[in-house]
C-alpha atoms as a PDB file:
ATOM      1  CA  MET A   1      10.421 -26.052 -22.312  1.00  0.00           C
ATOM      2  CA  ILE A   2       9.263 -22.749 -21.087  1.00  0.00           C
ATOM      3  CA  LYS A   3       6.015 -21.991 -22.622  1.00  0.00           C
ATOM      4  CA  LEU A   4       5.130 -18.357 -23.818  1.00  0.00           C
ATOM      5  CA  ILE A   5       1.816 -18.334 -21.476  1.00  0.00           C
ATOM      6  CA  ASP A   6       4.313 -19.017 -18.598  1.00  0.00           C
ATOM      7  CA  ILE A   7       6.734 -15.937 -19.194  1.00  0.00           C
ATOM      8  CA  LEU A   8       3.594 -13.493 -19.680  1.00  0.00           C
ATOM      9  CA  LYS A   9       2.115 -14.422 -16.732  1.00  0.00           C
ATOM     10  CA  GLU A  10       5.252 -14.265 -14.606  1.00  0.00           C
ATOM     11  CA  ALA A  11       4.385 -10.817 -12.656  1.00  0.00           C
ATOM     12  CA  ARG A  12       7.453  -8.134 -11.657  1.00  0.00           C
ATOM     13  CA  GLN A  13       9.590  -9.250  -8.761  1.00  0.00           C
ATOM     14  CA  VAL A  14       8.795  -5.671  -6.692  1.00  0.00           C
ATOM     15  CA  GLY A  15       9.674  -6.584  -3.604  1.00  0.00           C
ATOM     16  CA  LEU A  16       8.764  -5.239  -0.149  1.00  0.00           C
ATOM     17  CA  LEU A  17       6.582  -1.830  -0.676  1.00  0.00           C
ATOM     18  CA  TYR A  18       6.223   0.891   2.268  1.00  0.00           C
ATOM     19  CA  HIS A  19       3.114   3.268   2.840  1.00  0.00           C
ATOM     20  CA  PHE A  20       3.962   5.549   5.687  1.00  0.00           C
ATOM     21  CA  THR A  21       0.041   7.344   7.143  1.00  0.00           C
ATOM     22  CA  ASN A  22      -1.451   8.760   9.864  1.00  0.00           C
ATOM     23  CA  SER A  23      -3.120   6.478  12.699  1.00  0.00           C
ATOM     24  CA  SER A  24      -6.153   8.763  12.485  1.00  0.00           C
ATOM     25  CA  PHE A  25      -7.021   6.898   8.962  1.00  0.00           C
ATOM     26  CA  LEU A  26      -6.512   3.208  10.283  1.00  0.00           C
ATOM     27  CA  ASN A  27      -9.681   1.466  11.049  1.00  0.00           C
ATOM     28  CA  ASN A  28     -11.006   2.960   7.606  1.00  0.00           C
ATOM     29  CA  ILE A  29      -7.774   1.335   5.754  1.00  0.00           C
ATOM     30  CA  LYS A  30      -8.120  -1.407   7.662  1.00  0.00           C
ATOM     31  CA  GLU A  31     -11.395  -2.040   6.706  1.00  0.00           C
ATOM     32  CA  LYS A  32     -11.594  -0.496   3.224  1.00  0.00           C
ATOM     33  CA  GLY A  33      -7.969  -0.255   1.935  1.00  0.00           C
ATOM     34  CA  ILE A  34      -5.690   2.289   0.717  1.00  0.00           C
ATOM     35  CA  LYS A  35      -7.098   4.989  -1.280  1.00  0.00           C
ATOM     36  CA  PHE A  36      -6.618   5.557  -5.213  1.00  0.00           C
ATOM     37  CA  GLU A  37      -6.327   9.334  -4.801  1.00  0.00           C
ATOM     38  CA  PRO A  38      -5.904  11.370  -8.400  1.00  0.00           C
ATOM     39  CA  ASP A  39      -1.990  11.017  -9.516  1.00  0.00           C
ATOM     40  CA  ASN A  40      -0.411  14.535  -8.847  1.00  0.00           C
ATOM     41  CA  SER A  41       2.901  14.107 -10.545  1.00  0.00           C
ATOM     42  CA  GLY A  42       2.263  15.156 -13.566  1.00  0.00           C
ATOM     43  CA  PHE A  43       3.495  11.983 -15.192  1.00  0.00           C
ATOM     44  CA  TYR A  44       0.525   9.890 -15.155  1.00  0.00           C
ATOM     45  CA  PRO A  45      -2.688  11.599 -16.507  1.00  0.00           C
ATOM     46  CA  ASN A  46      -5.953  10.312 -15.812  1.00  0.00           C
ATOM     47  CA  GLN A  47      -4.743   8.021 -13.408  1.00  0.00           C
ATOM     48  CA  PHE A  48      -4.645   7.097  -9.753  1.00  0.00           C
ATOM     49  CA  SER A  49      -2.050   5.851  -7.366  1.00  0.00           C
ATOM     50  CA  ILE A  50      -1.027   5.400  -3.941  1.00  0.00           C
ATOM     51  CA  ALA A  51       2.319   6.708  -3.128  1.00  0.00           C
ATOM     52  CA  ALA A  52       5.117   4.155  -1.458  1.00  0.00           C
ATOM     53  CA  THR A  53       8.550   4.082  -1.137  1.00  0.00           C
ATOM     54  CA  ARG A  54      11.105   1.114  -0.783  1.00  0.00           C
ATOM     55  CA  ASP A  55      12.689   3.131   2.063  1.00  0.00           C
ATOM     56  CA  LYS A  56      11.691   1.311   5.270  1.00  0.00           C
ATOM     57  CA  SER A  57      12.669   3.492   7.228  1.00  0.00           C
ATOM     58  CA  GLY A  58      11.217   6.671   5.439  1.00  0.00           C
ATOM     59  CA  LYS A  59      13.771   9.380   6.089  1.00  0.00           C
ATOM     60  CA  GLY A  60      14.218  10.189   2.447  1.00  0.00           C
ATOM     61  CA  LEU A  61      10.822  11.258   2.605  1.00  0.00           C
ATOM     62  CA  PHE A  62      10.935  12.753   6.106  1.00  0.00           C
ATOM     63  CA  LYS A  63      14.085  15.010   4.800  1.00  0.00           C
ATOM     64  CA  TYR A  64      11.202  16.758   2.472  1.00  0.00           C
ATOM     65  CA  LEU A  65       8.497  17.433   4.177  1.00  0.00           C
ATOM     66  CA  ASP A  66       7.110  17.083   7.964  1.00  0.00           C
ATOM     67  CA  TYR A  67       5.756  13.918   8.258  1.00  0.00           C
ATOM     68  CA  LYS A  68       5.524  14.580  12.385  1.00  0.00           C
ATOM     69  CA  ASN A  69       1.871  13.113  11.322  1.00  0.00           C
ATOM     70  CA  LEU A  70       2.918   9.636   9.641  1.00  0.00           C
ATOM     71  CA  ASP A  71       3.171   7.445  12.550  1.00  0.00           C
ATOM     72  CA  ILE A  72       1.787   4.022  10.829  1.00  0.00           C
ATOM     73  CA  ARG A  73       4.251   2.028   7.980  1.00  0.00           C
ATOM     74  CA  ILE A  74       2.131  -0.188   6.030  1.00  0.00           C
ATOM     75  CA  THR A  75       4.177  -3.115   4.656  1.00  0.00           C
ATOM     76  CA  LEU A  76       3.240  -4.151   1.410  1.00  0.00           C
ATOM     77  CA  ASP A  77       3.723  -6.892  -0.862  1.00  0.00           C
ATOM     78  CA  GLY A  78       4.841  -5.606  -4.228  1.00  0.00           C
ATOM     79  CA  ASN A  79       5.151  -8.666  -5.845  1.00  0.00           C
ATOM     80  CA  LYS A  80       1.672  -9.827  -5.636  1.00  0.00           C
ATOM     81  CA  ILE A  81       0.371  -6.180  -6.228  1.00  0.00           C
ATOM     82  CA  SER A  82       2.195  -6.278  -9.346  1.00  0.00           C
ATOM     83  CA  GLU A  83       0.094  -8.813 -10.802  1.00  0.00           C
ATOM     84  CA  ARG A  84      -2.767  -7.029 -11.048  1.00  0.00           C
ATOM     85  CA  TYR A  85      -1.504  -3.021 -10.978  1.00  0.00           C
ATOM     86  CA  LYS A  86       1.634  -0.933 -12.558  1.00  0.00           C
ATOM     87  CA  ILE A  87       4.358   0.224 -10.303  1.00  0.00           C
ATOM     88  CA  LYS A  88       6.415   2.600 -12.045  1.00  0.00           C
ATOM     89  CA  PRO A  89       9.501   4.484  -9.869  1.00  0.00           C
ATOM     90  CA  ILE A  90       8.588   8.523  -9.585  1.00  0.00           C
ATOM     91  CA  ASN A  91      12.029  10.919  -9.362  1.00  0.00           C
ATOM     92  CA  VAL A  92      11.026  13.128  -6.414  1.00  0.00           C
ATOM     93  CA  GLU A  93      13.090  16.442  -7.829  1.00  0.00           C
ATOM     94  CA  ASN A  94      11.283  16.096 -11.107  1.00  0.00           C
ATOM     95  CA  ILE A  95       7.735  16.276  -9.037  1.00  0.00           C
ATOM     96  CA  TRP A  96       8.721  19.149  -6.520  1.00  0.00           C
ATOM     97  CA  ASN A  97      10.708  22.640  -6.471  1.00  0.00           C
ATOM     98  CA  MET A  98      14.125  21.912  -5.073  1.00  0.00           C
ATOM     99  CA  ASP A  99      14.612  25.447  -4.974  1.00  0.00           C
ATOM    100  CA  ASP A 100      11.120  26.194  -2.273  1.00  0.00           C
ATOM    101  CA  PHE A 101      13.053  23.472  -0.001  1.00  0.00           C
ATOM    102  CA  GLU A 102      16.490  25.197  -0.257  1.00  0.00           C
ATOM    103  CA  GLU A 103      14.903  28.790   0.282  1.00  0.00           C
ATOM    104  CA  GLU A 104      13.586  27.439   3.565  1.00  0.00           C
ATOM    105  CA  GLY A 105      16.566  25.611   4.902  1.00  0.00           C
ATOM    106  CA  ILE A 106      16.010  22.127   3.805  1.00  0.00           C
ATOM    107  CA  PRO A 107      18.773  20.053   2.323  1.00  0.00           C
ATOM    108  CA  VAL A 108      18.178  18.865  -0.940  1.00  0.00           C
ATOM    109  CA  ILE A 109      19.031  15.483  -1.522  1.00  0.00           C
ATOM    110  CA  SER A 110      20.647  14.303  -4.966  1.00  0.00           C
ATOM    111  CA  LYS A 111      19.196  12.644  -7.580  1.00  0.00           C
ATOM    112  CA  PHE A 112      21.081   9.666  -6.275  1.00  0.00           C
ATOM    113  CA  SER A 113      19.530   9.715  -3.462  1.00  0.00           C
ATOM    114  CA  GLU A 114      18.095   7.318  -0.814  1.00  0.00           C
ATOM    115  CA  PHE A 115      14.180   7.939  -1.375  1.00  0.00           C
ATOM    116  CA  PHE A 116      12.737   5.890  -3.671  1.00  0.00           C
ATOM    117  CA  GLU A 117       8.980   6.495  -4.608  1.00  0.00           C
ATOM    118  CA  GLU A 118       6.936   4.251  -6.464  1.00  0.00           C
ATOM    119  CA  ARG A 119       3.145   4.974  -7.354  1.00  0.00           C
ATOM    120  CA  ILE A 120       0.728   2.075  -7.632  1.00  0.00           C
ATOM    121  CA  LEU A 121      -1.289   3.270 -10.502  1.00  0.00           C
ATOM    122  CA  SER A 122      -4.992   2.418 -11.181  1.00  0.00           C
ATOM    123  CA  ASN A 123      -6.943   3.630 -14.190  1.00  0.00           C
ATOM    124  CA  LYS A 124     -10.199   4.204 -11.610  1.00  0.00           C
ATOM    125  CA  GLU A 125     -10.355   5.276  -8.217  1.00  0.00           C
ATOM    126  CA  GLY A 126     -10.850   2.775  -5.353  1.00  0.00           C
ATOM    127  CA  TYR A 127      -8.434   0.898  -2.557  1.00  0.00           C
ATOM    128  CA  LEU A 128      -5.702  -1.107  -2.223  1.00  0.00           C
ATOM    129  CA  ASP A 129      -7.561  -4.181  -1.003  1.00  0.00           C
ATOM    130  CA  PRO A 130      -5.893  -5.189   2.652  1.00  0.00           C
ATOM    131  CA  LYS A 131      -4.710  -8.307   1.631  1.00  0.00           C
ATOM    132  CA  TYR A 132      -1.484  -6.731   0.043  1.00  0.00           C
ATOM    133  CA  PHE A 133      -0.903  -5.570   3.198  1.00  0.00           C
ATOM    134  CA  LEU A 134       2.074  -8.097   5.059  1.00  0.00           C
ATOM    135  CA  ASN A 135       2.207  -5.618   8.453  1.00  0.00           C
ATOM    136  CA  ILE A 136       0.860  -2.660  10.316  1.00  0.00           C
ATOM    137  CA  GLU A 137       3.480  -1.039  12.768  1.00  0.00           C
ATOM    138  CA  ASN A 138       3.503   2.168  14.591  1.00  0.00           C
ATOM    139  CA  ILE A 139       6.709   4.023  13.858  1.00  0.00           C
END
């Protein structure tokens, strides 16, 4: 028989998440973790967040902005992270002004895009502990 306490303890099944960064930050990230920054989406006021994606290649992310300086991909254990932090999806079209991208000749992807951004949320400043890292690699 399943007990209510067992249901409450069950973590959300998130799967793998990927965080892209620049190699110049890597030593600090390995030592302290990934820093929670004030959330800039407008959806989570008074929250701190880390941007991640489900897109291992980052190609959806790279369509929008010039991320040539992002040469490191950190694979995160979303299941373990969800035991401590909230993870919420973000629809990127609702954050950025898509007209700006079209004016610059950057193709805008649809609402059914390959870009799946997730925000790892925290109520306070701090760092996501490296214990949640599964892999760090150059891209």
